[in-house]
Amino acid sequence: MTLPIPPLRKIAWQNCRLRKHADYQRVYRASRKQFARQMSYFFAVRPPLGPDGTSVRGVGANAARVGLTVGKVMGKAVDRNRIKRRMREAVRRQFPLLQTPVDIILHPRRNAIDLDFATLERDVAAVFRAVQNLARKQRPEQL
């Protein structure tokens, strides 16, 4: 069975990624580690407005953000960069699945470097669907 491929809409990676260390720390504090086949992930539902009444760090109120972490245990810099490139492309292709304001941190396993891209993309899609379902359960009144 093949999964339907979402339309390839070019997204600007800069607008949908976690950038600040404080954002990563907030997600780590607000959630527990979740596991998928090829990666572990953390996520936190983001409030639509920040404490000062504006959108959080200039991001749209309903936009999702994704961050990647690849530690030195994953190999040398060449291997880590390759894993990140592949993960960024998989996230870019599956990003339209995220419809709620969540922040997600993906932490791939070492075997992601040898995995065929279709499998990696399916795993990212499964993570995004799981996050969508859990986010709706956490805040059904706001989503």
C-alpha atoms as a PDB file:
ATOM      1  CA  MET A   1       0.000   0.000   0.000  1.00  0.00           C
ATOM      2  CA  THR A   2       1.412   3.379  -0.939  1.00  0.00           C
ATOM      3  CA  LEU A   3       0.667   6.507   1.013  1.00  0.00           C
ATOM      4  CA  PRO A   4      -0.712   9.530  -0.816  1.00  0.00           C
ATOM      5  CA  ILE A   5       1.993  12.075  -1.470  1.00  0.00           C
ATOM      6  CA  PRO A   6       1.056  15.577  -0.347  1.00  0.00           C
ATOM      7  CA  PRO A   7       1.516  18.298  -2.952  1.00  0.00           C
ATOM      8  CA  LEU A   8       5.071  19.577  -3.051  1.00  0.00           C
ATOM      9  CA  ARG A   9       4.619  23.106  -1.905  1.00  0.00           C
ATOM     10  CA  LYS A  10       7.885  24.957  -1.582  1.00  0.00           C
ATOM     11  CA  ILE A  11       8.214  26.201   1.962  1.00  0.00           C
ATOM     12  CA  ALA A  12      10.890  28.481   3.283  1.00  0.00           C
ATOM     13  CA  TRP A  13      12.755  26.422   5.863  1.00  0.00           C
ATOM     14  CA  GLN A  14      13.808  29.611   7.679  1.00  0.00           C
ATOM     15  CA  ASN A  15      10.185  30.482   8.492  1.00  0.00           C
ATOM     16  CA  CYS A  16       9.210  27.123   9.937  1.00  0.00           C
ATOM     17  CA  ARG A  17      12.174  26.068  12.046  1.00  0.00           C
ATOM     18  CA  LEU A  18      13.097  26.470  15.667  1.00  0.00           C
ATOM     19  CA  ARG A  19      16.023  28.829  15.995  1.00  0.00           C
ATOM     20  CA  LYS A  20      16.519  29.947  19.576  1.00  0.00           C
ATOM     21  CA  HIS A  21      17.969  27.835  22.354  1.00  0.00           C
ATOM     22  CA  ALA A  22      15.164  29.058  24.623  1.00  0.00           C
ATOM     23  CA  ASP A  23      12.585  27.609  22.216  1.00  0.00           C
ATOM     24  CA  TYR A  24      14.302  24.213  22.281  1.00  0.00           C
ATOM     25  CA  GLN A  25      14.446  24.308  26.080  1.00  0.00           C
ATOM     26  CA  ARG A  26      10.759  25.240  26.333  1.00  0.00           C
ATOM     27  CA  VAL A  27       9.790  22.254  24.177  1.00  0.00           C
ATOM     28  CA  TYR A  28      12.021  19.900  26.183  1.00  0.00           C
ATOM     29  CA  ARG A  29      10.486  21.119  29.469  1.00  0.00           C
ATOM     30  CA  ALA A  30       6.902  20.988  28.202  1.00  0.00           C
ATOM     31  CA  SER A  31       6.959  17.462  26.808  1.00  0.00           C
ATOM     32  CA  ARG A  32       8.168  13.920  27.172  1.00  0.00           C
ATOM     33  CA  LYS A  33      10.301  11.978  24.757  1.00  0.00           C
ATOM     34  CA  GLN A  34       8.210  10.151  22.162  1.00  0.00           C
ATOM     35  CA  PHE A  35       9.495   7.398  19.901  1.00  0.00           C
ATOM     36  CA  ALA A  36       9.018   6.550  16.238  1.00  0.00           C
ATOM     37  CA  ARG A  37      10.761   3.875  14.201  1.00  0.00           C
ATOM     38  CA  GLN A  38      13.727   5.936  13.005  1.00  0.00           C
ATOM     39  CA  MET A  39      13.721   8.866  15.424  1.00  0.00           C
ATOM     40  CA  SER A  40      12.649  10.207  18.752  1.00  0.00           C
ATOM     41  CA  TYR A  41      10.784  13.485  19.042  1.00  0.00           C
ATOM     42  CA  PHE A  42       9.488  16.091  21.452  1.00  0.00           C
ATOM     43  CA  PHE A  43       6.612  18.465  20.828  1.00  0.00           C
ATOM     44  CA  ALA A  44       4.753  21.242  22.578  1.00  0.00           C
ATOM     45  CA  VAL A  45       1.614  23.072  21.557  1.00  0.00           C
ATOM     46  CA  ARG A  46       2.462  26.743  21.204  1.00  0.00           C
ATOM     47  CA  PRO A  47       0.059  29.374  22.471  1.00  0.00           C
ATOM     48  CA  PRO A  48      -1.213  31.559  19.634  1.00  0.00           C
ATOM     49  CA  LEU A  49       0.106  34.714  21.276  1.00  0.00           C
ATOM     50  CA  GLY A  50       3.137  35.376  23.390  1.00  0.00           C
ATOM     51  CA  PRO A  51       3.092  37.073  26.799  1.00  0.00           C
ATOM     52  CA  ASP A  52       3.180  40.527  25.215  1.00  0.00           C
ATOM     53  CA  GLY A  53       0.165  39.842  22.974  1.00  0.00           C
ATOM     54  CA  THR A  54       2.084  39.411  19.714  1.00  0.00           C
ATOM     55  CA  SER A  55       2.787  36.231  17.807  1.00  0.00           C
ATOM     56  CA  VAL A  56       5.722  34.215  19.107  1.00  0.00           C
ATOM     57  CA  ARG A  57       9.002  35.310  17.480  1.00  0.00           C
ATOM     58  CA  GLY A  58       7.291  36.658  14.395  1.00  0.00           C
ATOM     59  CA  VAL A  59       5.759  33.305  13.441  1.00  0.00           C
ATOM     60  CA  GLY A  60       2.146  33.114  12.325  1.00  0.00           C
ATOM     61  CA  ALA A  61      -0.359  32.182  15.021  1.00  0.00           C
ATOM     62  CA  ASN A  62      -1.210  28.841  13.378  1.00  0.00           C
ATOM     63  CA  ALA A  63       2.212  27.977  11.961  1.00  0.00           C
ATOM     64  CA  ALA A  64       4.139  24.943  13.128  1.00  0.00           C
ATOM     65  CA  ARG A  65       7.891  24.991  13.689  1.00  0.00           C
ATOM     66  CA  VAL A  66      10.353  22.105  13.492  1.00  0.00           C
ATOM     67  CA  GLY A  67      13.848  21.763  14.929  1.00  0.00           C
ATOM     68  CA  LEU A  68      16.458  19.081  14.298  1.00  0.00           C
ATOM     69  CA  THR A  69      19.086  17.843  16.717  1.00  0.00           C
ATOM     70  CA  VAL A  70      21.883  15.562  15.615  1.00  0.00           C
ATOM     71  CA  GLY A  71      24.497  14.941  18.288  1.00  0.00           C
ATOM     72  CA  LYS A  72      28.148  14.059  17.902  1.00  0.00           C
ATOM     73  CA  VAL A  73      27.365  10.483  18.821  1.00  0.00           C
ATOM     74  CA  MET A  74      25.834  10.193  15.343  1.00  0.00           C
ATOM     75  CA  GLY A  75      29.223  10.277  13.669  1.00  0.00           C
ATOM     76  CA  LYS A  76      31.603  12.727  12.119  1.00  0.00           C
ATOM     77  CA  ALA A  77      30.478  16.086  10.754  1.00  0.00           C
ATOM     78  CA  VAL A  78      30.014  14.699   7.238  1.00  0.00           C
ATOM     79  CA  ASP A  79      27.572  12.071   8.512  1.00  0.00           C
ATOM     80  CA  ARG A  80      25.720  14.493  10.768  1.00  0.00           C
ATOM     81  CA  ASN A  81      25.313  17.031   7.967  1.00  0.00           C
ATOM     82  CA  ARG A  82      24.052  14.340   5.600  1.00  0.00           C
ATOM     83  CA  ILE A  83      21.455  13.209   8.140  1.00  0.00           C
ATOM     84  CA  LYS A  84      20.334  16.818   8.637  1.00  0.00           C
ATOM     85  CA  ARG A  85      20.041  17.450   4.883  1.00  0.00           C
ATOM     86  CA  ARG A  86      17.907  14.350   4.433  1.00  0.00           C
ATOM     87  CA  MET A  87      15.749  15.183   7.451  1.00  0.00           C
ATOM     88  CA  ARG A  88      15.216  18.778   6.276  1.00  0.00           C
ATOM     89  CA  GLU A  89      14.019  17.567   2.893  1.00  0.00           C
ATOM     90  CA  ALA A  90      11.682  14.998   4.444  1.00  0.00           C
ATOM     91  CA  VAL A  91      10.284  17.659   6.790  1.00  0.00           C
ATOM     92  CA  ARG A  92       9.867  20.111   3.905  1.00  0.00           C
ATOM     93  CA  ARG A  93       7.864  17.569   1.909  1.00  0.00           C
ATOM     94  CA  GLN A  94       5.644  16.518   4.830  1.00  0.00           C
ATOM     95  CA  PHE A  95       5.236  19.948   6.440  1.00  0.00           C
ATOM     96  CA  PRO A  96       1.717  20.543   5.013  1.00  0.00           C
ATOM     97  CA  LEU A  97       0.490  17.774   7.357  1.00  0.00           C
ATOM     98  CA  LEU A  98       1.021  20.130  10.313  1.00  0.00           C
ATOM     99  CA  GLN A  99      -2.004  22.364  10.721  1.00  0.00           C
ATOM    100  CA  THR A 100      -1.733  23.335  14.400  1.00  0.00           C
ATOM    101  CA  PRO A 101       0.657  25.716  16.171  1.00  0.00           C
ATOM    102  CA  VAL A 102       3.150  23.193  17.557  1.00  0.00           C
ATOM    103  CA  ASP A 103       6.891  23.179  18.032  1.00  0.00           C
ATOM    104  CA  ILE A 104       8.529  19.835  17.237  1.00  0.00           C
ATOM    105  CA  ILE A 105      12.085  18.650  17.806  1.00  0.00           C
ATOM    106  CA  LEU A 106      13.189  15.623  15.787  1.00  0.00           C
ATOM    107  CA  HIS A 107      16.164  13.553  16.868  1.00  0.00           C
ATOM    108  CA  PRO A 108      17.009  10.890  14.237  1.00  0.00           C
ATOM    109  CA  ARG A 109      18.733   7.610  15.007  1.00  0.00           C
ATOM    110  CA  ARG A 110      22.074   6.657  13.527  1.00  0.00           C
ATOM    111  CA  ASN A 111      20.537   4.357  10.924  1.00  0.00           C
ATOM    112  CA  ALA A 112      18.778   7.336   9.286  1.00  0.00           C
ATOM    113  CA  ILE A 113      21.907   7.869   7.203  1.00  0.00           C
ATOM    114  CA  ASP A 114      21.559   4.470   5.492  1.00  0.00           C
ATOM    115  CA  LEU A 115      17.775   4.471   5.242  1.00  0.00           C
ATOM    116  CA  ASP A 116      16.153   4.899   1.862  1.00  0.00           C
ATOM    117  CA  PHE A 117      14.515   8.279   1.573  1.00  0.00           C
ATOM    118  CA  ALA A 118      10.956   7.002   1.084  1.00  0.00           C
ATOM    119  CA  THR A 119      11.086   5.188   4.431  1.00  0.00           C
ATOM    120  CA  LEU A 120      12.487   8.259   6.159  1.00  0.00           C
ATOM    121  CA  GLU A 121       9.756  10.390   4.629  1.00  0.00           C
ATOM    122  CA  ARG A 122       7.035   7.948   5.770  1.00  0.00           C
ATOM    123  CA  ASP A 123       8.416   8.024   9.298  1.00  0.00           C
ATOM    124  CA  VAL A 124       8.403  11.837   9.364  1.00  0.00           C
ATOM    125  CA  ALA A 125       4.817  11.795   8.073  1.00  0.00           C
ATOM    126  CA  ALA A 126       3.824   9.327  10.815  1.00  0.00           C
ATOM    127  CA  VAL A 127       5.406  11.572  13.466  1.00  0.00           C
ATOM    128  CA  PHE A 128       3.593  14.633  12.115  1.00  0.00           C
ATOM    129  CA  ARG A 129       0.241  12.794  12.107  1.00  0.00           C
ATOM    130  CA  ALA A 130       0.793  11.585  15.673  1.00  0.00           C
ATOM    131  CA  VAL A 131       1.688  15.109  16.793  1.00  0.00           C
ATOM    132  CA  GLN A 132      -1.445  16.485  15.111  1.00  0.00           C
ATOM    133  CA  ASN A 133      -3.655  13.982  16.914  1.00  0.00           C
ATOM    134  CA  LEU A 134      -2.023  14.542  20.294  1.00  0.00           C
ATOM    135  CA  ALA A 135      -2.087  18.328  19.885  1.00  0.00           C
ATOM    136  CA  ARG A 136      -5.821  18.243  19.168  1.00  0.00           C
ATOM    137  CA  LYS A 137      -6.390  16.196  22.319  1.00  0.00           C
ATOM    138  CA  GLN A 138      -4.308  18.553  24.460  1.00  0.00           C
ATOM    139  CA  ARG A 139      -6.050  21.747  23.371  1.00  0.00           C
ATOM    140  CA  PRO A 140      -9.315  20.981  21.600  1.00  0.00           C
ATOM    141  CA  GLU A 141     -10.874  24.323  22.530  1.00  0.00           C
ATOM    142  CA  GLN A 142      -8.159  26.399  20.852  1.00  0.00           C
ATOM    143  CA  LEU A 143      -7.474  24.294  17.746  1.00  0.00           C
END
